Protein backbone atom coordinates (compact mmCIF):
# COMPACT_ATOMS: atom_id res chain seq x y z
CA MET A 1 -183.11 -165.10 -37.06
CA LYS A 2 -186.05 -165.18 -34.65
CA LEU A 3 -189.66 -166.29 -35.04
CA MET A 4 -191.99 -163.47 -33.98
CA LEU A 5 -195.43 -164.87 -34.90
CA ILE A 6 -196.91 -167.96 -36.52
CA THR A 7 -200.55 -167.84 -37.66
CA PRO A 8 -202.52 -170.43 -39.63
CA THR A 9 -201.45 -168.79 -42.90
CA SER A 10 -198.36 -166.66 -42.18
CA VAL A 11 -195.06 -166.38 -40.37
CA SER A 12 -193.22 -163.30 -39.11
CA VAL A 13 -189.46 -163.29 -38.66
CA GLU A 14 -186.92 -160.80 -37.31
CA LEU A 15 -183.22 -160.83 -38.14
CA GLN A 16 -180.80 -160.42 -35.26
CA ASN A 17 -178.17 -157.82 -36.17
CA ASN A 18 -177.05 -154.26 -35.47
CA ASP A 19 -178.64 -152.73 -38.56
CA SER A 20 -181.33 -150.07 -38.19
CA TYR A 21 -184.55 -151.23 -39.89
CA PHE A 22 -182.88 -151.77 -43.28
CA THR A 23 -180.25 -154.43 -43.92
CA GLN A 24 -178.34 -156.05 -46.76
CA THR A 25 -180.62 -157.54 -49.42
CA PHE A 26 -181.32 -161.23 -48.89
CA GLU A 27 -183.35 -163.94 -50.64
CA ILE A 28 -185.98 -166.06 -48.89
CA PHE A 29 -186.70 -169.74 -49.57
CA LEU A 30 -189.61 -171.66 -48.08
CA ASN A 31 -189.38 -175.45 -48.39
CA GLY A 32 -186.83 -174.77 -51.10
CA ILE A 33 -189.13 -172.48 -53.12
CA PRO A 34 -187.96 -168.87 -53.69
CA GLN A 35 -190.16 -166.25 -52.01
CA GLY A 36 -188.43 -163.13 -53.31
CA LYS A 37 -185.94 -160.68 -51.85
CA LYS A 38 -186.11 -158.23 -48.95
CA ASN A 39 -183.83 -155.65 -47.31
CA ILE A 40 -185.52 -155.10 -43.94
CA ASN A 41 -184.87 -156.76 -40.61
CA SER A 42 -188.47 -157.69 -39.79
CA PHE A 43 -190.74 -159.30 -42.38
CA SER A 44 -193.67 -161.66 -42.90
CA ILE A 45 -194.52 -164.37 -45.42
CA TYR A 46 -198.20 -165.00 -46.22
CA ASN A 47 -200.42 -167.49 -48.08
CA LEU A 48 -199.22 -170.48 -46.07
CA THR A 49 -201.28 -173.61 -45.39
CA PRO A 50 -202.66 -174.34 -41.90
CA GLY A 51 -201.23 -177.41 -40.19
CA MET A 52 -198.09 -177.68 -42.32
CA ASN A 53 -194.36 -177.98 -41.60
CA TYR A 54 -192.10 -175.37 -43.16
CA SER A 55 -188.37 -174.80 -43.45
CA MET A 56 -187.21 -171.24 -44.13
CA LYS A 57 -183.81 -170.26 -45.43
CA ILE A 58 -182.47 -166.78 -46.03
CA LYS A 59 -179.39 -166.23 -48.16
CA SER A 60 -177.24 -163.17 -48.75
CA PRO A 61 -173.68 -162.87 -50.10
CA GLU A 62 -172.41 -162.93 -46.52
CA THR A 63 -174.76 -165.20 -44.60
CA GLU A 64 -177.12 -168.15 -44.79
CA LYS A 65 -179.58 -168.99 -42.01
CA GLU A 66 -182.37 -171.50 -41.51
CA LEU A 67 -185.28 -172.15 -39.18
CA SER A 68 -188.28 -174.48 -39.11
CA PHE A 69 -191.84 -173.95 -37.93
CA HIS A 70 -195.33 -175.48 -38.05
CA THR A 71 -198.47 -173.48 -38.83
CA PRO A 72 -201.34 -174.20 -36.39
CA GLN A 73 -204.24 -176.28 -37.66
CA TYR A 74 -207.30 -174.02 -37.73
CA GLU A 75 -210.41 -174.13 -39.92
CA GLU A 76 -210.79 -171.07 -42.13
CA VAL A 77 -214.18 -169.33 -42.18
CA ILE A 78 -214.44 -166.90 -45.11
CA TYR A 79 -216.67 -163.85 -44.80
CA ARG A 80 -218.41 -162.51 -47.89
CA SER A 81 -221.73 -160.71 -48.02
CA GLN A 82 -224.00 -158.95 -50.48
CA LYS A 83 -222.84 -155.66 -48.98
CA GLU A 84 -219.31 -156.20 -50.26
CA GLY A 85 -218.03 -153.09 -52.03
CA GLY A 86 -218.03 -150.56 -49.21
CA ILE A 87 -221.21 -148.69 -50.11
CA GLU A 88 -223.67 -150.11 -47.56
CA ASN A 89 -222.85 -150.44 -43.87
CA ASP A 90 -222.16 -154.08 -42.97
CA THR A 91 -221.20 -153.73 -39.31
CA ASP A 92 -223.88 -156.14 -38.09
CA GLY A 93 -222.91 -158.85 -40.56
CA LEU A 94 -219.23 -158.71 -39.67
CA GLN A 95 -219.92 -158.54 -35.94
CA ASN A 96 -222.14 -161.62 -36.18
CA ALA A 97 -219.38 -163.46 -38.02
CA ILE A 98 -216.92 -162.59 -35.24
CA ASP A 99 -219.35 -163.53 -32.47
CA ASN A 100 -220.29 -166.87 -34.06
CA LEU A 101 -216.72 -168.03 -34.67
CA ARG A 102 -216.06 -171.28 -32.82
CA THR A 103 -212.96 -172.67 -31.12
CA GLY A 104 -210.49 -173.95 -33.72
CA GLN A 105 -211.66 -171.53 -36.42
CA PHE A 106 -210.25 -168.27 -37.81
CA LEU A 107 -212.11 -165.62 -39.78
CA THR A 108 -210.89 -164.36 -43.17
CA ILE A 109 -212.59 -161.23 -44.52
CA GLN A 110 -212.68 -161.16 -48.31
CA GLY A 111 -213.56 -157.87 -50.00
CA THR A 112 -214.30 -154.30 -48.91
CA TYR A 113 -216.88 -153.53 -46.22
CA ARG A 114 -218.11 -150.29 -44.69
CA ILE A 115 -218.36 -150.36 -40.90
CA THR A 116 -218.73 -148.21 -37.80
CA SER A 117 -217.29 -150.16 -34.85
CA LEU A 118 -216.39 -153.83 -34.46
CA PHE A 119 -215.74 -155.45 -31.07
CA LEU A 120 -213.24 -158.26 -30.57
CA LYS A 121 -213.79 -161.35 -28.41
CA ASP A 122 -211.49 -163.73 -26.54
CA ASN A 123 -209.32 -166.13 -28.57
CA LEU A 124 -210.18 -164.47 -31.90
CA ILE A 125 -207.96 -164.87 -34.97
CA LEU A 126 -208.99 -162.30 -37.59
CA HIS A 127 -207.33 -162.42 -41.01
CA LEU A 128 -207.38 -159.48 -43.41
CA PRO A 129 -205.68 -160.80 -46.56
CA LYS A 130 -204.24 -158.73 -49.38
CA GLY A 131 -207.05 -156.95 -51.21
CA SER A 132 -209.39 -156.81 -48.22
CA LYS A 133 -210.44 -153.51 -46.66
CA LEU A 134 -212.54 -152.30 -43.75
CA LEU A 135 -213.79 -148.81 -44.60
CA GLY A 136 -214.88 -146.48 -41.80
CA GLU A 137 -218.34 -144.93 -41.79
CA THR A 138 -218.37 -141.14 -42.24
CA ASP A 139 -221.55 -140.32 -40.27
CA ARG A 140 -220.59 -139.84 -36.62
CA THR A 141 -224.19 -140.27 -35.42
CA LEU A 142 -224.00 -143.98 -36.33
CA PHE A 143 -221.11 -144.77 -33.98
CA PRO A 144 -221.66 -146.19 -30.48
CA ILE A 145 -220.29 -144.12 -27.59
CA LEU A 146 -217.98 -145.25 -24.79
CA MET A 147 -219.15 -143.22 -21.81
CA GLY A 148 -216.75 -141.33 -19.58
CA ASN A 149 -218.84 -142.05 -16.48
CA GLU A 150 -218.76 -145.83 -17.00
CA SER A 151 -216.03 -148.34 -16.16
CA ARG A 152 -214.95 -151.76 -17.35
CA ASN A 153 -212.63 -153.98 -15.32
CA GLY A 154 -212.22 -151.18 -12.81
CA ILE A 155 -210.98 -148.64 -15.39
CA VAL A 156 -212.95 -145.77 -16.92
CA LEU A 157 -214.42 -146.72 -20.30
CA GLY A 158 -214.58 -143.45 -22.23
CA THR A 159 -211.26 -141.60 -22.39
CA TRP A 160 -209.76 -138.65 -24.19
CA GLU A 161 -206.17 -137.39 -23.87
CA GLY A 162 -205.62 -138.77 -20.39
CA CYS A 163 -209.02 -137.90 -18.89
CA ALA A 164 -212.44 -139.50 -18.57
CA ASP A 165 -214.69 -138.30 -21.38
CA ASP A 166 -217.39 -139.61 -23.71
CA SER A 167 -215.67 -141.00 -26.80
CA PHE A 168 -216.96 -142.61 -29.95
CA ALA A 169 -216.09 -146.28 -30.19
CA SER A 170 -213.18 -146.87 -32.53
CA ILE A 171 -213.20 -148.80 -35.81
CA ILE A 172 -211.83 -151.86 -33.97
CA ASN A 173 -212.34 -152.21 -30.21
CA GLY A 174 -211.17 -154.68 -27.60
CA ILE A 175 -212.79 -154.28 -24.18
CA GLY A 176 -211.24 -156.66 -21.67
CA VAL A 177 -210.51 -159.34 -24.27
CA LYS A 178 -207.65 -161.82 -24.19
CA ASN A 179 -205.63 -163.85 -26.68
CA CYS A 180 -206.52 -162.13 -29.96
CA CYS A 181 -204.60 -161.85 -33.21
CA ILE A 182 -205.38 -159.57 -36.16
CA TYR A 183 -203.08 -160.12 -39.10
CA GLY A 184 -202.64 -159.96 -42.85
CA GLU A 185 -201.87 -157.63 -45.73
CA GLY A 186 -205.29 -155.94 -45.71
CA ILE A 187 -206.22 -152.35 -44.92
CA ILE A 188 -208.31 -150.64 -42.29
CA ASP A 189 -209.11 -147.26 -43.86
CA CYS A 190 -210.94 -145.25 -41.23
CA ASN A 191 -211.99 -142.82 -43.97
CA ALA A 192 -211.54 -139.64 -41.94
CA GLN A 193 -210.52 -137.80 -45.11
CA ASN A 194 -214.09 -138.14 -46.37
CA SER A 195 -215.81 -137.18 -43.10
CA ASP A 196 -215.79 -134.24 -40.69
CA TRP A 197 -213.51 -135.86 -38.08
CA TRP A 198 -210.64 -133.49 -38.87
CA VAL A 199 -212.84 -130.36 -39.07
CA ASN A 200 -212.73 -128.24 -35.87
CA HIS A 201 -211.06 -131.26 -34.31
CA ARG A 202 -210.76 -129.73 -30.82
CA VAL A 203 -214.52 -129.21 -30.57
CA LYS A 204 -216.43 -132.05 -28.89
CA ARG A 205 -219.42 -132.89 -31.06
CA ILE A 206 -221.60 -135.52 -29.36
CA ALA A 207 -218.43 -137.31 -28.17
CA ARG A 208 -214.68 -137.28 -28.75
CA ARG A 209 -213.21 -138.63 -31.96
CA PRO A 210 -212.61 -142.38 -32.30
CA LYS A 211 -209.23 -144.02 -32.75
CA GLY A 212 -208.26 -146.62 -35.33
CA ILE A 213 -207.88 -149.54 -32.89
CA PHE A 214 -208.67 -149.15 -29.18
CA LEU A 215 -207.64 -151.82 -26.65
CA HIS A 216 -209.10 -151.35 -23.16
CA THR A 217 -207.81 -153.61 -20.34
CA CYS A 218 -206.83 -156.31 -22.85
CA GLU A 219 -204.18 -159.03 -22.56
CA ASN A 220 -202.14 -161.00 -25.07
CA ILE A 221 -203.08 -159.11 -28.24
CA THR A 222 -201.04 -159.26 -31.46
CA ILE A 223 -201.63 -157.08 -34.51
CA GLU A 224 -199.44 -157.93 -37.50
CA GLY A 225 -198.99 -156.75 -41.04
CA ILE A 226 -202.14 -154.72 -41.62
CA THR A 227 -202.22 -151.10 -42.74
CA VAL A 228 -204.31 -148.70 -40.66
CA CYS A 229 -204.80 -145.28 -42.22
CA ASN A 230 -206.81 -142.06 -42.17
CA THR A 231 -207.78 -142.40 -38.52
CA PRO A 232 -210.02 -139.74 -36.92
CA SER A 233 -207.53 -139.29 -34.05
CA TRP A 234 -204.83 -141.62 -32.69
CA ASN A 235 -204.13 -144.60 -34.90
CA GLN A 236 -203.52 -147.18 -32.15
CA HIS A 237 -204.53 -146.62 -28.51
CA PRO A 238 -203.82 -149.47 -26.08
CA PHE A 239 -205.18 -148.44 -22.66
CA TYR A 240 -204.37 -150.21 -19.36
CA SER A 241 -203.51 -153.33 -21.34
CA LYS A 242 -200.59 -155.75 -21.21
CA ASN A 243 -198.65 -158.24 -23.31
CA LEU A 244 -199.17 -156.53 -26.66
CA LYS A 245 -197.35 -156.91 -29.97
CA TYR A 246 -197.50 -154.57 -32.97
CA LEU A 247 -195.55 -156.27 -35.74
CA ASN A 248 -194.69 -155.25 -39.31
CA MET A 249 -197.62 -152.85 -39.55
CA ARG A 250 -198.06 -149.68 -41.62
CA LEU A 251 -199.70 -146.78 -39.79
CA LEU A 252 -200.35 -143.95 -42.23
CA ASN A 253 -202.07 -140.59 -41.85
CA PRO A 254 -201.56 -137.38 -43.85
CA ALA A 255 -198.88 -135.11 -42.41
CA ASN A 256 -201.45 -132.33 -41.95
CA SER A 257 -204.09 -134.48 -40.21
CA PRO A 258 -204.65 -133.21 -36.65
CA THR A 259 -203.52 -135.21 -33.58
CA THR A 260 -203.31 -138.48 -35.49
CA ASP A 261 -200.51 -140.13 -33.50
CA GLY A 262 -199.26 -143.56 -34.55
CA ILE A 263 -199.20 -145.76 -31.41
CA ASP A 264 -199.99 -144.33 -27.97
CA PRO A 265 -199.60 -146.95 -25.21
CA GLU A 266 -201.28 -145.50 -22.11
CA SER A 267 -200.55 -147.14 -18.73
CA CYS A 268 -199.66 -150.38 -20.52
CA ASP A 269 -197.13 -153.07 -19.59
CA ASN A 270 -194.99 -155.32 -21.78
CA VAL A 271 -195.49 -153.81 -25.23
CA LEU A 272 -193.41 -154.74 -28.29
CA ILE A 273 -193.50 -152.56 -31.41
CA ALA A 274 -191.31 -154.11 -34.11
CA GLY A 275 -190.88 -153.79 -37.87
CA THR A 276 -193.55 -151.09 -38.09
CA ASN A 277 -193.57 -148.15 -40.52
CA ILE A 278 -195.27 -145.05 -39.07
CA SER A 279 -195.96 -141.82 -40.95
CA VAL A 280 -198.63 -139.66 -39.33
CA GLY A 281 -199.82 -136.14 -38.51
CA ASP A 282 -198.43 -136.03 -34.96
CA ASP A 283 -196.06 -138.11 -32.80
CA CYS A 284 -195.20 -141.47 -34.34
CA ILE A 285 -195.15 -143.18 -30.93
CA ALA A 286 -196.27 -141.39 -27.77
CA ILE A 287 -195.98 -143.28 -24.49
CA LYS A 288 -198.48 -142.02 -21.92
CA SER A 289 -199.89 -142.69 -18.45
CA GLY A 290 -202.80 -140.30 -18.09
CA LYS A 291 -203.27 -136.94 -16.43
CA LEU A 292 -203.17 -136.35 -12.70
CA GLU A 293 -206.65 -137.70 -11.86
CA PHE A 294 -205.87 -141.05 -13.55
CA ALA A 295 -202.47 -141.25 -11.86
CA ARG A 296 -203.94 -140.69 -8.40
CA LYS A 297 -206.80 -143.12 -9.00
CA TYR A 298 -205.03 -146.00 -10.79
CA HIS A 299 -201.28 -145.59 -10.00
CA THR A 300 -200.34 -147.32 -13.26
CA PRO A 301 -197.24 -146.32 -15.25
CA SER A 302 -196.42 -147.37 -18.76
CA SER A 303 -193.67 -149.93 -18.39
CA ASN A 304 -191.48 -152.45 -20.21
CA ILE A 305 -191.94 -151.11 -23.72
CA THR A 306 -189.62 -152.16 -26.55
CA ILE A 307 -189.54 -150.37 -29.91
CA ARG A 308 -187.30 -152.12 -32.41
CA ASN A 309 -186.55 -152.13 -36.15
CA CYS A 310 -189.15 -149.45 -36.91
CA LEU A 311 -189.22 -146.71 -39.54
CA MET A 312 -190.72 -143.41 -38.34
CA GLU A 313 -191.40 -140.74 -40.95
CA TYR A 314 -192.71 -137.18 -41.02
CA GLY A 315 -194.28 -137.16 -37.54
CA HIS A 316 -193.82 -134.48 -34.88
CA ALA A 317 -191.42 -136.86 -33.13
CA GLY A 318 -190.11 -140.39 -33.50
CA VAL A 319 -190.81 -141.39 -29.88
CA THR A 320 -192.43 -139.08 -27.32
CA LEU A 321 -192.86 -139.56 -23.59
CA GLY A 322 -196.04 -137.71 -22.62
CA SER A 323 -197.51 -135.31 -22.55
CA GLU A 324 -200.06 -137.13 -20.37
CA ASN A 325 -197.56 -138.99 -18.18
CA SER A 326 -198.72 -138.30 -14.61
CA GLY A 327 -198.60 -142.03 -13.81
CA GLY A 328 -194.96 -142.36 -14.81
CA ILE A 329 -193.02 -144.16 -17.56
CA GLU A 330 -190.34 -146.77 -16.95
CA ASN A 331 -188.18 -149.32 -18.76
CA VAL A 332 -188.38 -148.19 -22.38
CA LEU A 333 -185.92 -149.49 -24.98
CA VAL A 334 -185.78 -147.98 -28.47
CA THR A 335 -183.24 -149.64 -30.75
CA ASN A 336 -182.38 -150.33 -34.41
CA CYS A 337 -184.83 -147.70 -35.69
CA VAL A 338 -184.76 -145.06 -38.42
CA PHE A 339 -186.26 -141.60 -37.87
CA LYS A 340 -186.72 -139.79 -41.17
CA MET A 341 -187.87 -136.14 -41.41
CA THR A 342 -189.54 -136.18 -38.01
CA ASP A 343 -189.52 -132.82 -36.25
CA ARG A 344 -187.75 -134.41 -33.26
CA GLY A 345 -186.13 -137.70 -32.31
CA LEU A 346 -186.82 -138.36 -28.63
CA ARG A 347 -189.24 -135.86 -27.10
CA ILE A 348 -190.22 -135.58 -23.44
CA LYS A 349 -193.34 -133.51 -22.74
CA SER A 350 -194.20 -133.08 -19.08
CA GLN A 351 -195.80 -130.62 -16.66
CA ARG A 352 -195.14 -129.12 -13.24
CA GLY A 353 -197.09 -130.22 -10.21
CA ARG A 354 -197.50 -133.86 -11.14
CA GLY A 355 -195.68 -135.13 -8.08
CA ASN A 356 -193.76 -138.32 -7.37
CA LEU A 357 -196.05 -140.52 -9.47
CA ALA A 358 -194.82 -138.93 -12.69
CA VAL A 359 -191.31 -140.40 -12.62
CA ILE A 360 -189.64 -141.18 -15.97
CA LYS A 361 -186.80 -143.69 -15.60
CA ASN A 362 -184.74 -146.31 -17.43
CA ILE A 363 -185.19 -144.91 -20.95
CA THR A 364 -182.66 -146.29 -23.44
CA PHE A 365 -182.08 -145.17 -27.03
CA LYS A 366 -179.40 -146.95 -29.03
CA ASN A 367 -178.46 -147.63 -32.63
CA ILE A 368 -180.87 -145.00 -34.00
CA LYS A 369 -180.35 -143.40 -37.41
CA MET A 370 -181.87 -139.95 -37.90
CA THR A 371 -182.19 -138.35 -41.33
CA ASP A 372 -183.34 -134.72 -41.72
CA VAL A 373 -184.56 -134.61 -38.12
CA LYS A 374 -184.77 -131.02 -36.88
CA SER A 375 -183.83 -131.78 -33.27
CA PRO A 376 -182.65 -135.18 -31.99
CA PHE A 377 -183.59 -134.63 -28.32
CA VAL A 378 -186.05 -132.20 -26.70
CA ILE A 379 -187.35 -131.87 -23.12
CA ASN A 380 -190.27 -129.58 -22.32
CA ALA A 381 -191.10 -129.71 -18.60
CA PHE A 382 -193.68 -126.91 -18.79
CA TYR A 383 -195.79 -128.26 -21.64
CA LYS A 384 -198.80 -126.09 -22.52
CA ALA A 385 -197.62 -123.49 -20.01
CA GLY A 386 -199.25 -125.00 -16.95
CA ASN A 387 -202.68 -125.78 -18.38
CA ASP A 388 -202.22 -129.52 -18.87
CA GLU A 389 -202.01 -131.81 -15.84
């Protein structure tokens, strides 16, 4: 039993075994008080008290394990406004609350709020408790734009499918921020089902479609527990970032929603995806490193990526390498996962003419259970018939 994350009001734990996502039912006790039963390897307990010592015990017919931990002492700042309810746009109010948060505080959002784009800051702890919701605006003209001819921290700002391009800012954005945590049982509903994001989705209208959460040149970011759904395009897009954790999340898009991948790490290093349930309209996880121009300019592969104890459902593939992988992909471990009704298990999508930068190496799949998967392993080295570098 391993501690994965401790926040002021929660703890995340992963069992150490050879089971794939699901395990034998066990009961949880916290300071001797029953917390219910679970049958998954990675889980979180919420509604804890900041600055308190806890002892956790899990019991099953065959095992009993214990661990102790201490929740950090932070002051809770609760956000509520008159725009609660999700009818009026409250982006400015929420952004001010984030910007004004002081050292030693964490922000809890209570209620439902309509927003366009929020921007994270260094050392932010953002709590979305059960019952809270951030609801995406449906009018694209209200969103800020990340320009394809601008850079931040030496990397192009606006990006689309491995190339520089003007893109709408996402619902949540991190631009060069460090040491952030977003956690809780709340929901980020990007609301694409009630907008025109999925209509003529290949046509660029003003700018390219936003993602759910976009992390640009960020470090030490953890996202835990929350549900992110109905995203205009990719659900999670970490970009030239490192030391990232995606824990116990739910990433949900309709099966017929266009190019709504789950998590697409692009030229990122040291990424852990654990305990996460992904059911989307494209690849569940697609590891990328840009098209040829990015590879030649930045020489940055995606590397050291671990995917563990995840449930992938109904996507085009469980885990895909590419198609934009001109910068290379290395050291990927996928273990203890379940792929259910995905079109493919492991899928490699590449292209000719990418050269020696586009090397894929040290890819390990083990202890994977596939149910109703059409093809467990597919390689396409001429993806899009030569039109996609």
